[in-house]
Every structure is written in C-alpha cells, then in structure tokens.
Protein backbone atom coordinates (compact mmCIF):
# COMPACT_ATOMS: atom_id res chain seq x y z
CA MET A 1 -10.96 15.32 -14.99
CA ILE A 2 -7.94 15.82 -17.30
CA CYS A 3 -8.03 18.98 -19.34
CA HIS A 4 -5.81 19.77 -22.31
CA HIS A 5 -4.47 22.82 -20.45
CA THR A 6 -3.16 20.57 -17.67
CA LEU A 7 -1.68 18.19 -20.22
CA ARG A 8 0.11 20.98 -22.07
CA ARG A 9 1.38 22.46 -18.79
CA LEU A 10 2.87 19.12 -17.72
CA THR A 11 4.52 18.56 -21.10
CA VAL A 12 6.00 22.06 -21.13
CA LYS A 13 7.28 21.50 -17.60
CA VAL A 14 8.97 18.26 -18.64
CA LEU A 15 10.67 19.85 -21.62
CA GLY A 16 11.65 22.86 -19.53
CA VAL A 17 13.50 20.91 -16.86
CA ALA A 18 16.67 20.32 -18.80
CA SER A 19 19.57 22.70 -18.88
CA ALA A 20 23.22 22.20 -19.68
CA ALA A 21 24.14 22.78 -16.05
CA MET A 22 21.67 20.26 -14.70
CA PHE A 23 22.94 17.41 -16.83
CA ALA A 24 26.61 18.39 -17.14
CA THR A 25 27.62 15.64 -14.72
CA ALA A 26 25.21 13.01 -16.06
CA ALA A 27 27.31 11.36 -18.74
CA TRP A 28 25.05 8.36 -19.06
CA GLY A 29 24.87 7.71 -22.78
CA GLU A 30 22.37 4.99 -21.87
CA THR A 31 19.60 3.32 -23.80
CA TRP A 32 16.92 1.66 -21.68
CA ASN A 33 14.98 -1.24 -23.11
CA MET A 34 11.28 -1.03 -22.30
CA PRO A 35 9.19 -4.16 -22.98
CA VAL A 36 5.46 -3.59 -23.50
CA PRO A 37 2.76 -6.16 -24.30
CA TYR A 38 0.81 -4.38 -27.02
CA GLY A 39 1.37 -3.51 -30.66
CA ASP A 40 2.97 -0.35 -31.97
CA ASN A 41 -0.42 1.06 -33.05
CA ASN A 42 -1.95 0.69 -29.59
CA PHE A 43 -2.63 3.96 -27.76
CA HIS A 44 -0.73 2.75 -24.69
CA THR A 45 2.34 1.98 -26.80
CA LEU A 46 2.13 5.32 -28.61
CA ASN A 47 2.02 7.03 -25.22
CA HIS A 48 5.18 5.20 -24.10
CA ILE A 49 6.93 6.23 -27.31
CA GLN A 50 6.11 9.86 -26.54
CA PHE A 51 7.32 9.37 -22.95
CA ALA A 52 10.63 8.14 -24.41
CA LYS A 53 10.84 11.16 -26.70
CA ASP A 54 10.19 13.52 -23.79
CA LEU A 55 13.02 11.97 -21.79
CA GLU A 56 15.42 12.04 -24.70
CA ILE A 57 14.72 15.75 -25.20
CA VAL A 58 14.90 16.63 -21.52
CA THR A 59 18.26 14.84 -21.08
CA LYS A 60 19.65 16.19 -24.36
CA GLY A 61 19.97 12.68 -25.76
CA GLU A 62 21.85 11.24 -22.78
CA LEU A 63 18.96 8.97 -21.78
CA LYS A 64 17.09 7.08 -24.47
CA ILE A 65 14.36 4.48 -24.19
CA LYS A 66 13.78 1.84 -26.84
CA VAL A 67 10.18 0.63 -26.65
CA HIS A 68 9.76 -3.05 -27.59
CA PRO A 69 6.07 -3.61 -28.53
CA SER A 70 3.97 -6.78 -28.84
CA GLY A 71 5.84 -8.74 -26.18
CA SER A 72 8.81 -8.93 -28.56
CA LEU A 73 11.45 -8.60 -25.82
CA PHE A 74 9.60 -10.28 -22.94
CA LYS A 75 6.15 -11.83 -23.04
CA HIS A 76 3.47 -10.10 -20.99
CA PRO A 77 3.64 -12.49 -18.00
CA GLU A 78 7.43 -12.05 -17.87
CA ILE A 79 7.68 -8.26 -17.91
CA LYS A 80 7.26 -7.50 -14.21
CA GLN A 81 9.92 -10.02 -13.21
CA ALA A 82 12.25 -8.74 -15.92
CA VAL A 83 12.07 -5.25 -14.40
CA ARG A 84 12.30 -6.55 -10.84
CA SER A 85 15.41 -8.60 -11.61
CA GLY A 86 17.09 -5.73 -13.42
CA GLN A 87 17.11 -7.38 -16.84
CA VAL A 88 15.44 -4.19 -18.03
CA PRO A 89 15.01 -0.97 -16.03
CA ILE A 90 11.43 -0.22 -17.06
CA GLY A 91 8.37 -2.00 -18.41
CA GLU A 92 4.58 -2.04 -18.73
CA PHE A 93 1.98 -4.63 -17.80
CA LEU A 94 -1.67 -4.98 -16.88
CA LEU A 95 -1.86 -4.22 -13.17
CA SER A 96 -4.60 -6.74 -12.41
CA ARG A 97 -2.41 -9.57 -13.71
CA LEU A 98 -0.82 -9.39 -10.24
CA SER A 99 -4.08 -9.97 -8.35
CA ASN A 100 -3.01 -13.52 -7.46
CA GLU A 101 -0.10 -11.96 -5.54
CA ASP A 102 -2.31 -9.52 -3.65
CA ALA A 103 -5.99 -8.74 -4.16
CA LEU A 104 -5.29 -4.99 -4.03
CA PHE A 105 -3.66 -5.24 -7.45
CA GLY A 106 -7.04 -6.25 -8.88
CA VAL A 107 -9.26 -3.52 -7.47
CA ASP A 108 -9.65 -1.86 -10.87
CA SER A 109 -11.02 -5.11 -12.33
CA VAL A 110 -13.87 -5.57 -9.87
CA PRO A 111 -16.90 -5.42 -12.19
CA PHE A 112 -19.08 -2.32 -11.97
CA LEU A 113 -17.09 -0.78 -9.12
CA ALA A 114 -15.67 2.05 -11.27
CA THR A 115 -17.00 2.33 -14.80
CA SER A 116 -16.55 6.02 -15.74
CA TYR A 117 -13.29 7.88 -16.23
CA ASN A 118 -13.99 10.14 -13.26
CA ASP A 119 -14.65 7.13 -11.04
CA ALA A 120 -11.62 5.28 -12.38
CA LYS A 121 -9.39 8.29 -11.66
CA LYS A 122 -10.76 8.56 -8.14
CA LEU A 123 -10.16 4.85 -7.60
CA TRP A 124 -6.57 5.19 -8.84
CA ASP A 125 -5.94 8.19 -6.60
CA VAL A 126 -7.08 6.32 -3.48
CA SER A 127 -5.44 3.01 -4.40
CA ARG A 128 -2.09 4.27 -5.72
CA PRO A 129 -0.39 4.59 -2.29
CA ALA A 130 -1.24 0.98 -1.45
CA ILE A 131 -0.12 -0.22 -4.90
CA GLU A 132 3.13 1.72 -4.57
CA ALA A 133 3.79 0.20 -1.15
CA LEU A 134 3.33 -3.32 -2.54
CA MET A 135 5.59 -2.58 -5.51
CA ASP A 136 8.21 -1.04 -3.24
CA LYS A 137 8.56 -4.33 -1.38
CA GLN A 138 9.53 -5.92 -4.69
CA GLY A 139 12.09 -3.29 -5.59
CA LEU A 140 9.78 -1.55 -8.04
CA MET A 141 8.38 1.95 -8.28
CA VAL A 142 5.26 3.09 -10.11
CA LEU A 143 5.83 5.74 -12.77
CA TYR A 144 2.37 6.04 -14.29
CA ALA A 145 -0.85 4.15 -14.99
CA VAL A 146 -3.37 4.52 -17.80
CA PRO A 147 -6.79 2.84 -18.06
CA TRP A 148 -8.22 0.89 -20.93
CA PRO A 149 -11.59 2.04 -22.25
CA PRO A 150 -14.54 0.48 -20.40
CA GLN A 151 -14.69 -3.27 -20.98
CA GLY A 152 -17.35 -4.60 -23.35
CA LEU A 153 -18.67 -8.05 -24.17
CA TYR A 154 -17.79 -9.65 -27.52
CA ALA A 155 -19.28 -12.84 -28.90
CA LYS A 156 -19.83 -14.92 -32.00
CA LYS A 157 -23.58 -14.75 -31.42
CA GLU A 158 -26.24 -12.54 -29.86
CA ILE A 159 -26.23 -12.40 -26.06
CA ALA A 160 -29.64 -11.27 -24.83
CA ALA A 161 -29.37 -12.67 -21.30
CA VAL A 162 -26.63 -14.05 -19.10
CA GLY A 163 -27.98 -17.55 -19.76
CA ASP A 164 -26.78 -17.20 -23.35
CA MET A 165 -23.20 -17.26 -22.05
CA ALA A 166 -23.53 -20.71 -20.47
CA GLY A 167 -21.02 -23.12 -21.95
CA LEU A 168 -19.26 -20.52 -24.11
CA LYS A 169 -15.48 -20.76 -24.17
CA PHE A 170 -14.57 -17.39 -22.66
CA ARG A 171 -11.21 -15.67 -23.02
CA ALA A 172 -9.63 -14.89 -19.63
CA TYR A 173 -6.62 -12.64 -19.09
CA ASN A 174 -6.51 -12.36 -15.29
CA ALA A 175 -8.15 -13.78 -12.17
CA ALA A 176 -11.11 -11.39 -12.44
CA THR A 177 -12.03 -12.41 -15.99
CA GLU A 178 -11.65 -16.06 -15.06
CA ARG A 179 -14.05 -15.63 -12.15
CA PHE A 180 -16.40 -13.57 -14.33
CA ALA A 181 -16.56 -16.48 -16.76
CA GLN A 182 -17.28 -18.96 -13.99
CA LEU A 183 -20.13 -16.86 -12.56
CA THR A 184 -21.76 -16.57 -15.98
CA LYS A 185 -21.34 -20.34 -16.45
CA ALA A 186 -18.91 -19.84 -19.31
CA VAL A 187 -15.65 -21.79 -19.63
CA PRO A 188 -12.55 -19.63 -18.95
CA THR A 189 -9.62 -20.03 -21.33
CA GLN A 190 -6.35 -18.10 -20.96
CA VAL A 191 -5.50 -16.31 -24.21
CA GLU A 192 -3.09 -13.42 -24.77
CA VAL A 193 -4.00 -10.52 -27.07
CA ALA A 194 -1.55 -11.61 -29.76
CA ASP A 195 -3.33 -14.99 -30.02
CA LEU A 196 -6.94 -13.76 -30.10
CA ALA A 197 -7.58 -14.09 -33.83
CA GLN A 198 -6.28 -17.64 -33.96
CA ALA A 199 -8.12 -18.62 -30.77
CA PHE A 200 -11.47 -17.41 -32.11
CA SER A 201 -10.90 -18.76 -35.62
CA THR A 202 -10.04 -22.23 -34.35
CA GLY A 203 -12.93 -22.35 -31.88
CA ARG A 204 -10.70 -22.20 -28.83
CA VAL A 205 -12.80 -19.27 -27.56
CA ASP A 206 -16.29 -18.00 -28.40
CA ALA A 207 -16.55 -14.82 -26.35
CA MET A 208 -14.50 -12.29 -24.40
CA ILE A 209 -14.79 -9.12 -22.39
CA THR A 210 -12.24 -6.50 -23.31
CA SER A 211 -11.94 -2.92 -24.51
CA PRO A 212 -13.05 -1.54 -27.87
CA SER A 213 -9.34 -0.81 -28.45
CA THR A 214 -8.34 -4.46 -28.26
CA GLY A 215 -11.30 -5.48 -30.40
CA PHE A 216 -10.45 -2.93 -33.08
CA ASN A 217 -6.69 -3.51 -33.05
CA THR A 218 -7.15 -7.27 -33.43
CA LYS A 219 -9.74 -6.80 -36.22
CA ALA A 220 -12.39 -8.61 -34.23
CA TRP A 221 -14.83 -8.33 -37.17
CA ASP A 222 -12.81 -11.09 -38.85
CA PHE A 223 -13.81 -13.65 -36.24
CA LEU A 224 -16.90 -12.50 -34.27
CA THR A 225 -20.15 -10.64 -34.85
CA ASN A 226 -21.45 -8.90 -31.72
CA TYR A 227 -20.22 -6.27 -29.25
CA TYR A 228 -22.15 -5.14 -26.18
CA ASP A 229 -21.16 -1.90 -24.45
CA VAL A 230 -21.62 -3.21 -20.92
CA GLN A 231 -18.95 -0.86 -19.44
CA GLY A 232 -17.92 -3.51 -16.98
CA TRP A 233 -14.70 -2.05 -15.55
CA MET A 234 -11.63 -0.08 -16.54
CA PRO A 235 -8.42 -2.02 -15.88
CA LYS A 236 -5.18 -0.10 -15.98
CA ASN A 237 -1.79 -0.73 -17.47
CA VAL A 238 1.02 0.35 -15.18
CA VAL A 239 4.57 1.38 -16.03
CA VAL A 240 7.08 0.48 -13.34
CA MET A 241 10.79 1.06 -12.93
CA ASN A 242 13.46 -0.86 -11.10
CA LYS A 243 14.21 1.14 -7.94
CA ARG A 244 17.96 0.52 -8.12
CA SER A 245 18.05 1.82 -11.68
CA PHE A 246 16.17 4.92 -10.63
CA GLN A 247 18.39 5.53 -7.63
CA LYS A 248 21.51 5.46 -9.83
CA LEU A 249 20.28 8.58 -11.61
CA ASP A 250 21.29 11.98 -10.29
CA PRO A 251 18.53 14.13 -8.72
CA ALA A 252 17.95 16.17 -11.87
CA ALA A 253 17.52 13.02 -13.94
CA GLN A 254 15.15 11.53 -11.37
CA LYS A 255 13.08 14.71 -11.53
CA ALA A 256 13.02 14.50 -15.32
CA VAL A 257 11.77 10.90 -15.22
CA MET A 258 8.99 11.71 -12.76
CA LEU A 259 7.84 14.81 -14.66
CA ALA A 260 7.81 12.87 -17.93
CA ALA A 261 5.82 10.15 -16.16
CA ALA A 262 3.25 12.66 -14.90
CA ALA A 263 2.85 14.03 -18.41
CA ALA A 264 2.50 10.48 -19.78
CA GLN A 265 -0.22 9.64 -17.28
CA ALA A 266 -2.25 12.77 -18.10
CA ARG A 267 -1.75 12.26 -21.84
CA GLY A 268 -2.63 8.57 -21.57
CA TRP A 269 -5.94 9.18 -19.78
CA ALA A 270 -6.92 11.76 -22.41
CA ALA A 271 -5.96 9.30 -25.16
CA SER A 272 -8.00 6.54 -23.53
CA MET A 273 -11.11 8.71 -23.55
CA ALA A 274 -10.65 9.57 -27.21
CA GLU A 275 -9.94 5.92 -27.95
CA THR A 276 -13.25 4.79 -26.48
CA ALA A 277 -15.33 6.79 -28.95
CA ALA A 278 -13.11 6.21 -31.97
CA LYS A 279 -12.66 2.47 -31.59
CA THR A 280 -16.31 1.76 -30.72
CA LYS A 281 -17.26 3.56 -33.93
CA GLY A 282 -14.56 1.62 -35.75
CA LEU A 283 -16.04 -1.69 -34.66
CA ALA A 284 -19.44 -0.68 -36.08
CA ASP A 285 -17.92 0.70 -39.28
CA ASN A 286 -16.30 -2.67 -39.91
CA GLY A 287 -19.51 -4.63 -39.56
CA ILE A 288 -19.71 -5.66 -35.92
CA LYS A 289 -23.16 -5.27 -34.43
CA VAL A 290 -22.59 -2.74 -31.63
CA ALA A 291 -25.36 -2.51 -29.06
CA LYS A 292 -26.16 -1.65 -25.47
CA PRO A 293 -26.88 -4.70 -23.30
CA THR A 294 -30.50 -5.64 -22.77
CA ASP A 295 -31.97 -4.73 -19.40
CA ALA A 296 -31.98 -8.41 -18.48
CA LEU A 297 -28.33 -8.88 -19.40
CA ARG A 298 -27.20 -5.74 -17.60
CA ALA A 299 -29.15 -6.63 -14.45
CA SER A 300 -27.58 -10.09 -14.36
CA LEU A 301 -24.09 -8.72 -14.94
CA ILE A 302 -24.54 -6.20 -12.12
CA GLU A 303 -25.42 -9.10 -9.82
CA VAL A 304 -22.24 -10.85 -10.94
CA GLY A 305 -20.40 -7.64 -10.08
CA LYS A 306 -21.89 -7.55 -6.59
CA THR A 307 -20.81 -11.13 -5.98
CA MET A 308 -17.29 -10.40 -7.21
CA THR A 309 -17.08 -7.25 -5.07
CA GLU A 310 -18.01 -9.25 -1.97
CA GLU A 311 -15.46 -11.93 -2.85
CA TRP A 312 -12.79 -9.33 -3.51
CA LEU A 313 -13.41 -7.64 -0.15
CA LYS A 314 -12.94 -10.97 1.61
CA GLN A 315 -9.66 -11.54 -0.23
CA ALA A 316 -8.38 -8.01 0.30
CA GLY A 317 -9.22 -7.89 4.01
CA ASP A 318 -9.07 -4.68 6.02
CA ALA A 319 -6.82 -2.97 3.47
CA GLY A 320 -9.36 -3.57 0.74
CA LYS A 321 -12.26 -2.47 2.89
CA LYS A 322 -10.53 0.81 3.77
CA LEU A 323 -9.68 1.40 0.13
CA VAL A 324 -13.26 0.90 -1.06
CA GLU A 325 -14.63 3.04 1.79
CA ALA A 326 -12.25 5.84 0.82
CA TYR A 327 -13.29 5.52 -2.83
CA GLN A 328 -17.01 5.58 -2.04
CA GLN A 329 -16.82 8.65 0.21
C-alpha cells in the first residue's frame, strides 16, 4: 500500500521544491502554532514534528511550525474551532469526533467496516472528497490524515463473551464508542487520553477500546490486565488548515505545504503499521495479557458492527450509501 520508495520520493520532492527564486518574495518570517491532542512521544505527534521540519527546510526558515502536544495549547475538543476561527492556522484532531456534526465524519469508526491498512486506505481514498467538501464549508482544508492502529479491547478482567461487558464502565471518546458501549450493555463514560490512568485507577472506567499505541503510551499495565486484539476499526487523525491562512501564502509556498502534507501522510501510514506491531509487543512485555478474542466474543462484536453499520447508513443517508458502495466495489 505505502512503500518506502514512495515515501522517500515524496520527501525528496518536498525538500527539492525550494529555491531562492521561488521564495524571494515570501518574506513571511512566521511561526505557526499547531495544537495536537497527543503527547510528544506519540507517533502522530512525531510525524507532525517532521512535517514542521520539512516545511522549515523547504522555505529556508521563513515558515516555521511550533507543535504543541498533549492539548497544551487547546484541548482536543477545542482544536477544530481554534483553526476554524483563525486562532491558529493549523491543528490536528480525531476525525470521528465530528460525527455528531455529520455522520460522514464517522465512517472510519464504523466497527468492522475497514479493519486492515489496505481497507482503511481504500476507505480514506473514497471518503476524502466528501470530507473535504464538508470541511470546506467551515473554512477548513484537509492537509493529511493518518490512522491509528486497529482498535483493541482493554479491561480490568477477562472478557470471554460480550456478556462479560455488561455493566462495565466503558471509556468513550466519540459517538461511535458511546454507541458501542450501549450495544454491549456497558456504561459509556467520556474520558480523554490524558485522564485515562486516573479514570481507571479511581474506578471511573473499567474497560475501553483503543489502539495499542494509546495503551502503551499511557502505561495501561499500571491500571488494567487484559488486551484483546479485536481489530475493531481504524479511526484517523486529520490535520486541517484554515483556508484563509493557506490562501495568504504565495503559490510556491502553497505547493510546499501540500507536498509536505503528502509526505506526512505517507510517512504517517507507514509509522502506524510499524506502531501496531511494536506497541502490541510492548503491552505484552510489560505484563498485560494479550490475546485474540474468543470465537464467541468476536462473533458478538461483529453483530454489534452490523447493527452500527445499519444505523450509520440511516444517519448518513444517500451520501453515506454511495460512499460505502464505492468502498465495497
């Protein structure tokens, strides 16, 4: 899907765009603030830092980006509006957080619709034009999107069947995870990544479904015992830019931004794949019991996925139906 040759070619192209003539009239001397939700050791954040370095090189230092990790500049729920209002020109957030605005934003969080990297890439390719059109109406433009590793089930106890989830306080981070909790008879509780350790330690939540990256980066072994590789879905983080800010750049600078974004997307997908293997191993190495779901658990979760797919199609209407049909062709 994404080969290292393609990644190198994109990066070389980014760094080869700049020339003294191209940027002679672009006396910006600007530093863009870029709020991101996750910590500075997260693979998404590291990718953004490299994106910033690429742009600084390509513009010969005239355009710099300061990445603000861990929601330190704006909290996760505030980032999209901060970019839209022009408080910052660029930012990152979980795309499916916007599913309450329009169901199309949540297509990548429909359980068991796209669970492999190839499928996730195909889904992004067919859904990106619709996502871009929705963002455009809000004065935003999509630069790049990168998936999390496939979502797995974490708990403080063994989960052999979906009935074992009944009554568990379940961490939700978007509408899809809230509905997932309801369908498994768990109790959804909104908790941000930064608050996970405290939420589990105080009994506010008992279980969650999230990536091996989030589990590893939050040291989940300190507060839970079991991880099931259910490969539920692959939600994406998206980096957007304020359209007015982009339009103020001269054509050469705009080209540099878009080439750097293409390189960041390719690099991010490759990093996500590597992250899946490394962080799943890391969970096991630190004492979490890592296992495949039982046949009974997987069968029940697939049924939950079918229900959520039907519900999503009703919410998304004709646009959603056309998108899924295009993806399944």
